[in-house]
Structure formats: C-alpha cells, structure tokens
C-alpha cells in the first residue's frame, strides 16, 4: 500500500463520520439559537 492509497482510505472512512458529527453540531447550534430568539420575543 502506498502513502497515497492509505491517505485516500483514511479520507473515505473519516469523511462520513466527520460530516455526521459536524451535522449534529450544526443542528445543535441552530436549535439553541432558535430557542434564544424565541425567548427574546416573549
């Protein structure tokens, strides 16, 4: 196995996992922001 193929394998395995965590984080932030805005209105 060459360094390039190892790097490609790492990318293909890490990317879905990373994007999944990133999506959860983003959703969390958006959710918290919505609650803050909602509180300000009331």
Protein backbone atom coordinates (compact mmCIF):
# COMPACT_ATOMS: atom_id res chain seq x y z
CA UNK A 1 0.00 0.00 0.00
CA UNK A 2 1.30 3.38 -0.96
CA UNK A 3 1.02 6.52 1.14
CA UNK A 4 -1.48 7.95 -1.34
CA UNK A 5 -3.84 4.98 -1.07
CA UNK A 6 -3.62 5.00 2.72
CA UNK A 7 -4.48 8.69 2.69
CA UNK A 8 -7.41 8.05 0.35
CA UNK A 9 -8.67 5.25 2.58
CA UNK A 10 -8.45 7.49 5.62
CA UNK A 11 -10.36 10.23 3.84
CA UNK A 12 -13.15 7.92 2.71
CA UNK A 13 -13.57 6.45 6.20
CA UNK A 14 -13.20 9.71 8.11
CA UNK A 15 -15.37 11.93 5.92
CA UNK A 16 -18.79 10.35 6.55
CA UNK A 17 -18.00 10.10 10.27
CA UNK A 18 -16.78 13.69 10.41
CA UNK A 19 -19.69 15.09 8.40
CA UNK A 20 -22.11 13.21 10.66
CA UNK A 21 -20.62 14.83 13.76
CA UNK A 22 -20.47 18.20 12.01
CA UNK A 23 -24.16 17.97 11.08
CA UNK A 24 -25.10 17.15 14.68
CA UNK A 25 -23.06 20.11 15.93
CA UNK A 26 -24.61 22.49 13.40
CA UNK A 27 -28.12 21.27 14.23
CA UNK A 28 -27.37 21.75 17.92
CA UNK A 29 -26.20 25.32 17.35
CA UNK A 30 -29.20 26.18 15.17
CA UNK A 31 -31.55 24.65 17.75
CA UNK A 32 -30.00 26.67 20.58
CA UNK A 33 -30.11 29.86 18.51
CA UNK A 34 -33.80 29.32 17.77
CA UNK A 35 -34.55 28.91 21.47
CA UNK A 36 -32.63 32.12 22.27
CA UNK A 37 -34.53 34.09 19.61
CA UNK A 38 -37.80 32.61 20.83
CA UNK A 39 -37.02 33.69 24.40
CA UNK A 40 -36.22 37.23 23.26
CA UNK A 41 -39.57 37.55 21.51
CA UNK A 42 -41.51 36.59 24.62
